[in-house]
């Protein structure tokens, strides 16, 4: 690969890396502001409507029945918990497995 073409690929990679970094930073700022706005409405009973559940029952041949229960919540998990779950997927924990 000639040096000019390598420089173009280096610029593309830098652009992609910077775009991802700014997107992550923007997401962190956005969700932190959403959490601050949500704490102001915690005492409002109209804002706390509770959970909404949806149950789907699917029947297959040979008597196999699958019941799927989906629970929708108005609150989203904190961004730190979300980031920890994503990082824990890519970086395995070296602790021994649980005995459950």
PDB file of N, CA and C in Angstrom:
ATOM      1  N   UNK A   1       0.859  -1.167   0.000  1.00  0.00           N
ATOM      2  CA  UNK A   1       0.000   0.000   0.000  1.00  0.00           C
ATOM      3  C   UNK A   1       0.909   1.236   0.000  1.00  0.00           C
ATOM      4  N   UNK A   2       0.610   2.151  -0.863  1.00  0.00           N
ATOM      5  CA  UNK A   2       1.457   3.348  -0.933  1.00  0.00           C
ATOM      6  C   UNK A   2       1.118   4.320   0.211  1.00  0.00           C
ATOM      7  N   UNK A   3       2.016   5.218   0.548  1.00  0.00           N
ATOM      8  CA  UNK A   3       1.816   6.109   1.709  1.00  0.00           C
ATOM      9  C   UNK A   3       0.592   7.017   1.585  1.00  0.00           C
ATOM     10  N   UNK A   4       0.244   7.433   0.386  1.00  0.00           N
ATOM     11  CA  UNK A   4      -0.922   8.314   0.234  1.00  0.00           C
ATOM     12  C   UNK A   4      -2.205   7.576   0.588  1.00  0.00           C
ATOM     13  N   UNK A   5      -2.288   6.326   0.129  1.00  0.00           N
ATOM     14  CA  UNK A   5      -3.487   5.548   0.426  1.00  0.00           C
ATOM     15  C   UNK A   5      -3.559   5.205   1.914  1.00  0.00           C
ATOM     16  N   UNK A   6      -2.425   4.948   2.540  1.00  0.00           N
ATOM     17  CA  UNK A   6      -2.396   4.675   3.979  1.00  0.00           C
ATOM     18  C   UNK A   6      -2.830   5.904   4.764  1.00  0.00           C
ATOM     19  N   UNK A   7      -2.449   7.094   4.307  1.00  0.00           N
ATOM     20  CA  UNK A   7      -2.859   8.324   4.990  1.00  0.00           C
ATOM     21  C   UNK A   7      -4.367   8.524   4.898  1.00  0.00           C
ATOM     22  N   UNK A   8      -4.956   8.148   3.761  1.00  0.00           N
ATOM     23  CA  UNK A   8      -6.411   8.269   3.602  1.00  0.00           C
ATOM     24  C   UNK A   8      -7.122   7.320   4.569  1.00  0.00           C
ATOM     25  N   UNK A   9      -6.641   6.089   4.672  1.00  0.00           N
ATOM     26  CA  UNK A   9      -7.247   5.143   5.602  1.00  0.00           C
ATOM     27  C   UNK A   9      -7.061   5.597   7.047  1.00  0.00           C
ATOM     28  N   UNK A  10      -5.937   6.190   7.361  1.00  0.00           N
ATOM     29  CA  UNK A  10      -5.703   6.713   8.704  1.00  0.00           C
ATOM     30  C   UNK A  10      -6.691   7.836   9.009  1.00  0.00           C
ATOM     31  N   UNK A  11      -6.960   8.697   8.045  1.00  0.00           N
ATOM     32  CA  UNK A  11      -7.911   9.787   8.247  1.00  0.00           C
ATOM     33  C   UNK A  11      -9.325   9.244   8.433  1.00  0.00           C
ATOM     34  N   UNK A  12      -9.681   8.213   7.669  1.00  0.00           N
ATOM     35  CA  UNK A  12     -11.017   7.609   7.815  1.00  0.00           C
ATOM     36  C   UNK A  12     -11.185   6.993   9.203  1.00  0.00           C
ATOM     37  N   UNK A  13     -10.170   6.275   9.655  1.00  0.00           N
ATOM     38  CA  UNK A  13     -10.245   5.654  10.975  1.00  0.00           C
ATOM     39  C   UNK A  13     -10.323   6.709  12.069  1.00  0.00           C
ATOM     40  N   UNK A  14      -9.576   7.789  11.940  1.00  0.00           N
ATOM     41  CA  UNK A  14      -9.611   8.860  12.935  1.00  0.00           C
ATOM     42  C   UNK A  14     -10.984   9.523  12.964  1.00  0.00           C
ATOM     43  N   UNK A  15     -11.583   9.708  11.795  1.00  0.00           N
ATOM     44  CA  UNK A  15     -12.916  10.310  11.725  1.00  0.00           C
ATOM     45  C   UNK A  15     -13.943   9.407  12.400  1.00  0.00           C
ATOM     46  N   UNK A  16     -13.878   8.122  12.112  1.00  0.00           N
ATOM     47  CA  UNK A  16     -14.820   7.183  12.704  1.00  0.00           C
ATOM     48  C   UNK A  16     -14.648   7.114  14.224  1.00  0.00           C
ATOM     49  N   UNK A  17     -13.415   7.084  14.681  1.00  0.00           N
ATOM     50  CA  UNK A  17     -13.122   7.039  16.120  1.00  0.00           C
ATOM     51  C   UNK A  17     -13.617   8.300  16.817  1.00  0.00           C
ATOM     52  N   UNK A  18     -13.388   9.461  16.221  1.00  0.00           N
ATOM     53  CA  UNK A  18     -13.830  10.710  16.847  1.00  0.00           C
ATOM     54  C   UNK A  18     -15.352  10.824  16.850  1.00  0.00           C
ATOM     55  N   UNK A  19     -15.994  10.355  15.793  1.00  0.00           N
ATOM     56  CA  UNK A  19     -17.453  10.382  15.740  1.00  0.00           C
ATOM     57  C   UNK A  19     -18.041   9.518  16.855  1.00  0.00           C
ATOM     58  N   UNK A  20     -17.481   8.339  17.080  1.00  0.00           N
ATOM     59  CA  UNK A  20     -17.949   7.477  18.161  1.00  0.00           C
ATOM     60  C   UNK A  20     -17.725   8.086  19.526  1.00  0.00           C
ATOM     61  N   UNK A  21     -16.583   8.720  19.715  1.00  0.00           N
ATOM     62  CA  UNK A  21     -16.302   9.355  21.000  1.00  0.00           C
ATOM     63  C   UNK A  21     -17.251  10.492  21.305  1.00  0.00           C
ATOM     64  N   UNK A  22     -17.504  11.344  20.312  1.00  0.00           N
ATOM     65  CA  UNK A  22     -18.422  12.458  20.530  1.00  0.00           C
ATOM     66  C   UNK A  22     -19.857  11.971  20.715  1.00  0.00           C
ATOM     67  N   UNK A  23     -20.222  10.894  20.041  1.00  0.00           N
ATOM     68  CA  UNK A  23     -21.560  10.335  20.215  1.00  0.00           C
ATOM     69  C   UNK A  23     -21.740   9.796  21.628  1.00  0.00           C
ATOM     70  N   UNK A  24     -20.744   9.087  22.135  1.00  0.00           N
ATOM     71  CA  UNK A  24     -20.822   8.568  23.504  1.00  0.00           C
ATOM     72  C   UNK A  24     -20.881   9.703  24.519  1.00  0.00           C
ATOM     73  N   UNK A  25     -20.082  10.729  24.328  1.00  0.00           N
ATOM     74  CA  UNK A  25     -20.102  11.877  25.230  1.00  0.00           C
ATOM     75  C   UNK A  25     -21.456  12.580  25.193  1.00  0.00           C
ATOM     76  N   UNK A  26     -22.004  12.754  24.004  1.00  0.00           N
ATOM     77  CA  UNK A  26     -23.327  13.374  23.883  1.00  0.00           C
ATOM     78  C   UNK A  26     -24.404  12.538  24.544  1.00  0.00           C
ATOM     79  N   UNK A  27     -24.312  11.213  24.414  1.00  0.00           N
ATOM     80  CA  UNK A  27     -25.284  10.337  25.071  1.00  0.00           C
ATOM     81  C   UNK A  27     -25.205  10.420  26.575  1.00  0.00           C
ATOM     82  N   UNK A  28     -23.996  10.475  27.108  1.00  0.00           N
ATOM     83  CA  UNK A  28     -23.845  10.609  28.559  1.00  0.00           C
ATOM     84  C   UNK A  28     -24.446  11.913  29.072  1.00  0.00           C
ATOM     85  N   UNK A  29     -24.200  12.997  28.365  1.00  0.00           N
ATOM     86  CA  UNK A  29     -24.759  14.285  28.777  1.00  0.00           C
ATOM     87  C   UNK A  29     -26.274  14.268  28.673  1.00  0.00           C
ATOM     88  N   UNK A  30     -26.795  13.717  27.584  1.00  0.00           N
ATOM     89  CA  UNK A  30     -28.251  13.677  27.384  1.00  0.00           C
ATOM     90  C   UNK A  30     -28.933  12.874  28.492  1.00  0.00           C
ATOM     91  N   UNK A  31     -28.429  11.659  28.780  1.00  0.00           N
ATOM     92  CA  UNK A  31     -29.078  10.829  29.784  1.00  0.00           C
ATOM     93  C   UNK A  31     -28.886  11.356  31.200  1.00  0.00           C
ATOM     94  N   UNK A  32     -27.798  12.043  31.471  1.00  0.00           N
ATOM     95  CA  UNK A  32     -27.649  12.626  32.803  1.00  0.00           C
ATOM     96  C   UNK A  32     -28.653  13.750  33.004  1.00  0.00           C
ATOM     97  N   UNK A  33     -28.928  14.507  31.956  1.00  0.00           N
ATOM     98  CA  UNK A  33     -29.956  15.551  32.069  1.00  0.00           C
ATOM     99  C   UNK A  33     -31.355  14.959  32.161  1.00  0.00           C
ATOM    100  N   UNK A  34     -31.596  13.839  31.499  1.00  0.00           N
ATOM    101  CA  UNK A  34     -32.887  13.175  31.605  1.00  0.00           C
ATOM    102  C   UNK A  34     -33.128  12.683  33.032  1.00  0.00           C
ATOM    103  N   UNK A  35     -32.099  12.154  33.678  1.00  0.00           N
ATOM    104  CA  UNK A  35     -32.239  11.691  35.058  1.00  0.00           C
ATOM    105  C   UNK A  35     -32.529  12.853  36.000  1.00  0.00           C
ATOM    106  N   UNK A  36     -31.892  14.001  35.776  1.00  0.00           N
ATOM    107  CA  UNK A  36     -32.151  15.168  36.622  1.00  0.00           C
ATOM    108  C   UNK A  36     -33.581  15.659  36.437  1.00  0.00           C
ATOM    109  N   UNK A  37     -34.097  15.636  35.233  1.00  0.00           N
ATOM    110  CA  UNK A  37     -35.471  16.075  34.987  1.00  0.00           C
ATOM    111  C   UNK A  37     -36.466  15.090  35.594  1.00  0.00           C
ATOM    112  N   UNK A  38     -36.139  13.809  35.614  1.00  0.00           N
ATOM    113  CA  UNK A  38     -37.032  12.799  36.144  1.00  0.00           C
ATOM    114  C   UNK A  38     -37.168  12.920  37.658  1.00  0.00           C
ATOM    115  N   UNK A  39     -36.112  13.322  38.375  1.00  0.00           N
ATOM    116  CA  UNK A  39     -36.191  13.425  39.829  1.00  0.00           C
ATOM    117  C   UNK A  39     -37.136  14.531  40.258  1.00  0.00           C
ATOM    118  N   UNK A  40     -37.352  15.541  39.417  1.00  0.00           N
ATOM    119  CA  UNK A  40     -38.290  16.607  39.761  1.00  0.00           C
ATOM    120  C   UNK A  40     -39.731  16.112  39.712  1.00  0.00           C
ATOM    121  N   UNK A  41     -40.028  15.115  38.873  1.00  0.00           N
ATOM    122  CA  UNK A  41     -41.390  14.631  38.715  1.00  0.00           C
ATOM    123  C   UNK A  41     -41.702  13.398  39.558  1.00  0.00           C
ATOM    124  N   UNK A  42     -40.830  13.004  40.472  1.00  0.00           N
ATOM    125  CA  UNK A  42     -41.059  11.800  41.251  1.00  0.00           C
ATOM    126  C   UNK A  42     -42.250  11.933  42.188  1.00  0.00           C
ATOM    127  N   UNK A  43     -42.528  13.122  42.682  1.00  0.00           N
ATOM    128  CA  UNK A  43     -43.619  13.308  43.633  1.00  0.00           C
ATOM    129  C   UNK A  43     -44.966  13.494  42.940  1.00  0.00           C
ATOM    130  N   UNK A  44     -44.989  13.597  41.643  1.00  0.00           N
ATOM    131  CA  UNK A  44     -46.230  13.780  40.889  1.00  0.00           C
ATOM    132  C   UNK A  44     -46.899  12.416  40.684  1.00  0.00           C
ATOM    133  N   UNK A  45     -48.120  12.191  41.242  1.00  0.00           N
ATOM    134  CA  UNK A  45     -48.760  10.875  41.084  1.00  0.00           C
ATOM    135  C   UNK A  45     -49.165  10.584  39.644  1.00  0.00           C
ATOM    136  N   UNK A  46     -49.417  11.605  38.847  1.00  0.00           N
ATOM    137  CA  UNK A  46     -49.790  11.368  37.450  1.00  0.00           C
ATOM    138  C   UNK A  46     -48.604  10.842  36.648  1.00  0.00           C
ATOM    139  N   UNK A  47     -47.400  11.210  37.054  1.00  0.00           N
ATOM    140  CA  UNK A  47     -46.212  10.745  36.339  1.00  0.00           C
ATOM    141  C   UNK A  47     -45.877   9.299  36.688  1.00  0.00           C
ATOM    142  N   UNK A  48     -46.285   8.834  37.859  1.00  0.00           N
ATOM    143  CA  UNK A  48     -46.001   7.461  38.292  1.00  0.00           C
ATOM    144  C   UNK A  48     -47.208   6.578  38.016  1.00  0.00           C
ATOM    145  N   UNK A  49     -47.360   6.133  36.793  1.00  0.00           N
ATOM    146  CA  UNK A  49     -48.503   5.312  36.430  1.00  0.00           C
ATOM    147  C   UNK A  49     -48.243   3.830  36.652  1.00  0.00           C
ATOM    148  N   UNK A  50     -47.029   3.455  36.912  1.00  0.00           N
ATOM    149  CA  UNK A  50     -46.730   2.066  37.212  1.00  0.00           C
ATOM    150  C   UNK A  50     -46.264   1.297  35.997  1.00  0.00           C
ATOM    151  N   UNK A  51     -46.427  -0.003  36.087  1.00  0.00           N
ATOM    152  CA  UNK A  51     -45.943  -0.908  35.057  1.00  0.00           C
ATOM    153  C   UNK A  51     -47.067  -1.282  34.096  1.00  0.00           C
ATOM    154  N   UNK A  52     -46.664  -1.625  32.887  1.00  0.00           N
ATOM    155  CA  UNK A  52     -47.606  -2.131  31.904  1.00  0.00           C
ATOM    156  C   UNK A  52     -47.090  -3.485  31.461  1.00  0.00           C
ATOM    157  N   UNK A  53     -47.922  -4.503  31.577  1.00  0.00           N
ATOM    158  CA  UNK A  53     -47.503  -5.858  31.235  1.00  0.00           C
ATOM    159  C   UNK A  53     -48.255  -6.337  30.006  1.00  0.00           C
ATOM    160  N   UNK A  54     -47.554  -7.122  29.229  1.00  0.00           N
ATOM    161  CA  UNK A  54     -48.135  -7.719  28.043  1.00  0.00           C
ATOM    162  C   UNK A  54     -47.768  -9.199  28.056  1.00  0.00           C
ATOM    163  N   UNK A  55     -48.764 -10.055  27.955  1.00  0.00           N
ATOM    164  CA  UNK A  55     -48.532 -11.495  27.989  1.00  0.00           C
ATOM    165  C   UNK A  55     -48.903 -12.064  26.627  1.00  0.00           C
ATOM    166  N   UNK A  56     -47.965 -12.806  26.047  1.00  0.00           N
ATOM    167  CA  UNK A  56     -48.203 -13.455  24.758  1.00  0.00           C
ATOM    168  C   UNK A  56     -48.075 -14.963  24.949  1.00  0.00           C
ATOM    169  N   UNK A  57     -49.080 -15.680  24.491  1.00  0.00           N
ATOM    170  CA  UNK A  57     -49.066 -17.138  24.573  1.00  0.00           C
ATOM    171  C   UNK A  57     -49.041 -17.670  23.152  1.00  0.00           C
ATOM    172  N   UNK A  58     -48.026 -18.472  22.848  1.00  0.00           N
ATOM    173  CA  UNK A  58     -47.881 -19.061  21.527  1.00  0.00           C
ATOM    174  C   UNK A  58     -47.941 -20.566  21.667  1.00  0.00           C
ATOM    175  N   UNK A  59     -48.833 -21.192  20.892  1.00  0.00           N
ATOM    176  CA  UNK A  59     -48.968 -22.644  20.940  1.00  0.00           C
ATOM    177  C   UNK A  59     -48.382 -23.238  19.672  1.00  0.00           C
ATOM    178  N   UNK A  60     -47.551 -24.240  19.873  1.00  0.00           N
ATOM    179  CA  UNK A  60     -46.906 -24.939  18.768  1.00  0.00           C
ATOM    180  C   UNK A  60     -47.439 -26.371  18.714  1.00  0.00           C
ATOM    181  N   UNK A  61     -47.182 -27.071  17.623  1.00  0.00           N
ATOM    182  CA  UNK A  61     -47.639 -28.468  17.546  1.00  0.00           C
ATOM    183  C   UNK A  61     -47.014 -29.330  18.642  1.00  0.00           C
ATOM    184  N   UNK A  62     -47.590 -30.477  18.876  1.00  0.00           N
ATOM    185  CA  UNK A  62     -47.156 -31.463  19.857  1.00  0.00           C
ATOM    186  C   UNK A  62     -47.302 -30.960  21.291  1.00  0.00           C
ATOM    187  N   UNK A  63     -48.229 -30.042  21.538  1.00  0.00           N
ATOM    188  CA  UNK A  63     -48.526 -29.606  22.891  1.00  0.00           C
ATOM    189  C   UNK A  63     -47.520 -28.646  23.507  1.00  0.00           C
ATOM    190  N   UNK A  64     -46.677 -28.041  22.702  1.00  0.00           N
ATOM    191  CA  UNK A  64     -45.686 -27.099  23.225  1.00  0.00           C
ATOM    192  C   UNK A  64     -46.313 -25.700  23.294  1.00  0.00           C
ATOM    193  N   UNK A  65     -46.313 -25.118  24.485  1.00  0.00           N
ATOM    194  CA  UNK A  65     -46.866 -23.785  24.693  1.00  0.00           C
ATOM    195  C   UNK A  65     -45.778 -22.890  25.270  1.00  0.00           C
ATOM    196  N   UNK A  66     -45.602 -21.717  24.659  1.00  0.00           N
ATOM    197  CA  UNK A  66     -44.607 -20.755  25.118  1.00  0.00           C
ATOM    198  C   UNK A  66     -45.336 -19.506  25.585  1.00  0.00           C
ATOM    199  N   UNK A  67     -45.100 -19.109  26.837  1.00  0.00           N
ATOM    200  CA  UNK A  67     -45.698 -17.904  27.392  1.00  0.00           C
ATOM    201  C   UNK A  67     -44.601 -16.862  27.562  1.00  0.00           C
ATOM    202  N   UNK A  68     -44.779 -15.718  26.933  1.00  0.00           N
ATOM    203  CA  UNK A  68     -43.815 -14.633  27.021  1.00  0.00           C
ATOM    204  C   UNK A  68     -44.472 -13.465  27.740  1.00  0.00           C
ATOM    205  N   UNK A  69     -43.848 -12.997  28.816  1.00  0.00           N
ATOM    206  CA  UNK A  69     -44.371 -11.866  29.571  1.00  0.00           C
ATOM    207  C   UNK A  69     -43.411 -10.695  29.416  1.00  0.00           C
ATOM    208  N   UNK A  70     -43.912  -9.592  28.893  1.00  0.00           N
ATOM    209  CA  UNK A  70     -43.106  -8.398  28.677  1.00  0.00           C
ATOM    210  C   UNK A  70     -43.610  -7.322  29.626  1.00  0.00           C
ATOM    211  N   UNK A  71     -42.683  -6.733  30.390  1.00  0.00           N
ATOM    212  CA  UNK A  71     -43.017  -5.670  31.327  1.00  0.00           C
ATOM    213  C   UNK A  71     -42.383  -4.375  30.854  1.00  0.00           C
ATOM    214  N   UNK A  72     -43.212  -3.372  30.626  1.00  0.00           N
ATOM    215  CA  UNK A  72     -42.727  -2.064  30.206  1.00  0.00           C
ATOM    216  C   UNK A  72     -42.685  -1.149  31.427  1.00  0.00           C
ATOM    217  N   UNK A  73     -41.584  -0.480  31.611  1.00  0.00           N
ATOM    218  CA  UNK A  73     -41.445   0.456  32.718  1.00  0.00           C
ATOM    219  C   UNK A  73     -41.161   1.835  32.152  1.00  0.00           C
ATOM    220  N   UNK A  74     -41.649   2.840  32.838  1.00  0.00           N
ATOM    221  CA  UNK A  74     -41.416   4.209  32.399  1.00  0.00           C
ATOM    222  C   UNK A  74     -39.988   4.662  32.700  1.00  0.00           C
ATOM    223  N   UNK A  75     -39.392   4.093  33.719  1.00  0.00           N
ATOM    224  CA  UNK A  75     -38.045   4.515  34.086  1.00  0.00           C
ATOM    225  C   UNK A  75     -37.020   3.666  33.354  1.00  0.00           C
ATOM    226  N   UNK A  76     -35.974   4.293  32.927  1.00  0.00           N
ATOM    227  CA  UNK A  76     -34.888   3.586  32.271  1.00  0.00           C
ATOM    228  C   UNK A  76     -33.762   3.387  33.274  1.00  0.00           C
ATOM    229  N   UNK A  77     -32.959   2.349  33.071  1.00  0.00           N
ATOM    230  CA  UNK A  77     -31.868   2.133  34.027  1.00  0.00           C
ATOM    231  C   UNK A  77     -30.859   3.262  33.959  1.00  0.00           C
ATOM    232  N   UNK A  78     -30.179   3.531  35.050  1.00  0.00           N
ATOM    233  CA  UNK A  78     -29.151   4.571  35.021  1.00  0.00           C
ATOM    234  C   UNK A  78     -28.073   4.238  34.003  1.00  0.00           C
ATOM    235  N   UNK A  79     -27.491   5.261  33.458  1.00  0.00           N
ATOM    236  CA  UNK A  79     -26.518   5.067  32.392  1.00  0.00           C
ATOM    237  C   UNK A  79     -25.300   4.296  32.885  1.00  0.00           C
ATOM    238  N   UNK A  80     -24.956   4.432  34.160  1.00  0.00           N
ATOM    239  CA  UNK A  80     -23.794   3.697  34.662  1.00  0.00           C
ATOM    240  C   UNK A  80     -24.064   2.200  34.673  1.00  0.00           C
ATOM    241  N   UNK A  81     -25.276   1.790  35.040  1.00  0.00           N
ATOM    242  CA  UNK A  81     -25.611   0.370  35.036  1.00  0.00           C
ATOM    243  C   UNK A  81     -25.611  -0.163  33.611  1.00  0.00           C
ATOM    244  N   UNK A  82     -26.095   0.632  32.678  1.00  0.00           N
ATOM    245  CA  UNK A  82     -26.102   0.228  31.277  1.00  0.00           C
ATOM    246  C   UNK A  82     -24.683   0.068  30.751  1.00  0.00           C
ATOM    247  N   UNK A  83     -23.816   1.016  31.067  1.00  0.00           N
ATOM    248  CA  UNK A  83     -22.430   0.925  30.613  1.00  0.00           C
ATOM    249  C   UNK A  83     -21.714  -0.264  31.249  1.00  0.00           C
ATOM    250  N   UNK A  84     -21.989  -0.532  32.522  1.00  0.00           N
ATOM    251  CA  UNK A  84     -21.350  -1.675  33.177  1.00  0.00           C
ATOM    252  C   UNK A  84     -21.779  -2.992  32.548  1.00  0.00           C
ATOM    253  N   UNK A  85     -23.044  -3.099  32.167  1.00  0.00           N
ATOM    254  CA  UNK A  85     -23.495  -4.342  31.545  1.00  0.00           C
ATOM    255  C   UNK A  85     -22.869  -4.532  30.173  1.00  0.00           C
ATOM    256  N   UNK A  86     -22.671  -3.444  29.440  1.00  0.00           N
ATOM    257  CA  UNK A  86     -22.026  -3.553  28.128  1.00  0.00           C
ATOM    258  C   UNK A  86     -20.556  -3.920  28.296  1.00  0.00           C
ATOM    259  N   UNK A  87     -19.863  -3.290  29.237  1.00  0.00           N
ATOM    260  CA  UNK A  87     -18.451  -3.580  29.460  1.00  0.00           C
ATOM    261  C   UNK A  87     -18.277  -4.997  29.977  1.00  0.00           C
ATOM    262  N   UNK A  88     -19.161  -5.464  30.853  1.00  0.00           N
ATOM    263  CA  UNK A  88     -19.027  -6.812  31.393  1.00  0.00           C
ATOM    264  C   UNK A  88     -19.249  -7.868  30.317  1.00  0.00           C
ATOM    265  N   UNK A  89     -19.950  -7.520  29.250  1.00  0.00           N
ATOM    266  CA  UNK A  89     -20.124  -8.469  28.147  1.00  0.00           C
ATOM    267  C   UNK A  89     -18.804  -8.687  27.416  1.00  0.00           C
ATOM    268  N   UNK A  90     -18.031  -7.629  27.231  1.00  0.00           N
ATOM    269  CA  UNK A  90     -16.785  -7.728  26.494  1.00  0.00           C
ATOM    270  C   UNK A  90     -15.597  -8.107  27.370  1.00  0.00           C
ATOM    271  N   UNK A  91     -15.627  -7.749  28.659  1.00  0.00           N
ATOM    272  CA  UNK A  91     -14.532  -8.053  29.578  1.00  0.00           C
ATOM    273  C   UNK A  91     -15.063  -9.062  30.590  1.00  0.00           C
ATOM    274  N   UNK A  92     -14.683 -10.332  30.448  1.00  0.00           N
ATOM    275  CA  UNK A  92     -15.243 -11.343  31.356  1.00  0.00           C
ATOM    276  C   UNK A  92     -14.721 -11.161  32.773  1.00  0.00           C
ATOM    277  N   UNK A  93     -15.559 -11.530  33.703  1.00  0.00           N
ATOM    278  CA  UNK A  93     -15.199 -11.468  35.117  1.00  0.00           C
ATOM    279  C   UNK A  93     -14.413 -12.726  35.469  1.00  0.00           C
ATOM    280  N   UNK A  94     -13.307 -12.591  36.188  1.00  0.00           N
ATOM    281  CA  UNK A  94     -12.467 -13.722  36.532  1.00  0.00           C
ATOM    282  C   UNK A  94     -12.872 -14.406  37.818  1.00  0.00           C
ATOM    283  N   UNK A  95     -13.975 -13.978  38.418  1.00  0.00           N
ATOM    284  CA  UNK A  95     -14.414 -14.606  39.669  1.00  0.00           C
ATOM    285  C   UNK A  95     -15.007 -15.980  39.372  1.00  0.00           C
ATOM    286  N   UNK A  96     -15.046 -16.860  40.381  1.00  0.00           N
ATOM    287  CA  UNK A  96     -15.621 -18.185  40.149  1.00  0.00           C
ATOM    288  C   UNK A  96     -17.113 -18.080  39.898  1.00  0.00           C
ATOM    289  N   UNK A  97     -17.692 -19.000  39.153  1.00  0.00           N
ATOM    290  CA  UNK A  97     -19.137 -18.921  38.877  1.00  0.00           C
ATOM    291  C   UNK A  97     -19.957 -19.126  40.135  1.00  0.00           C
ATOM    292  N   UNK A  98     -21.147 -18.573  40.147  1.00  0.00           N
ATOM    293  CA  UNK A  98     -22.008 -18.699  41.321  1.00  0.00           C
ATOM    294  C   UNK A  98     -22.518 -20.133  41.412  1.00  0.00           C
ATOM    295  N   UNK A  99     -22.965 -20.519  42.609  1.00  0.00           N
ATOM    296  CA  UNK A  99     -23.399 -21.882  42.837  1.00  0.00           C
ATOM    297  C   UNK A  99     -24.898 -22.042  42.678  1.00  0.00           C
ATOM    298  N   UNK A 100     -25.562 -21.077  42.040  1.00  0.00           N
ATOM    299  CA  UNK A 100     -27.015 -21.158  41.859  1.00  0.00           C
ATOM    300  C   UNK A 100     -27.372 -22.096  40.751  1.00  0.00           C
TER     301      UNK A 100
END
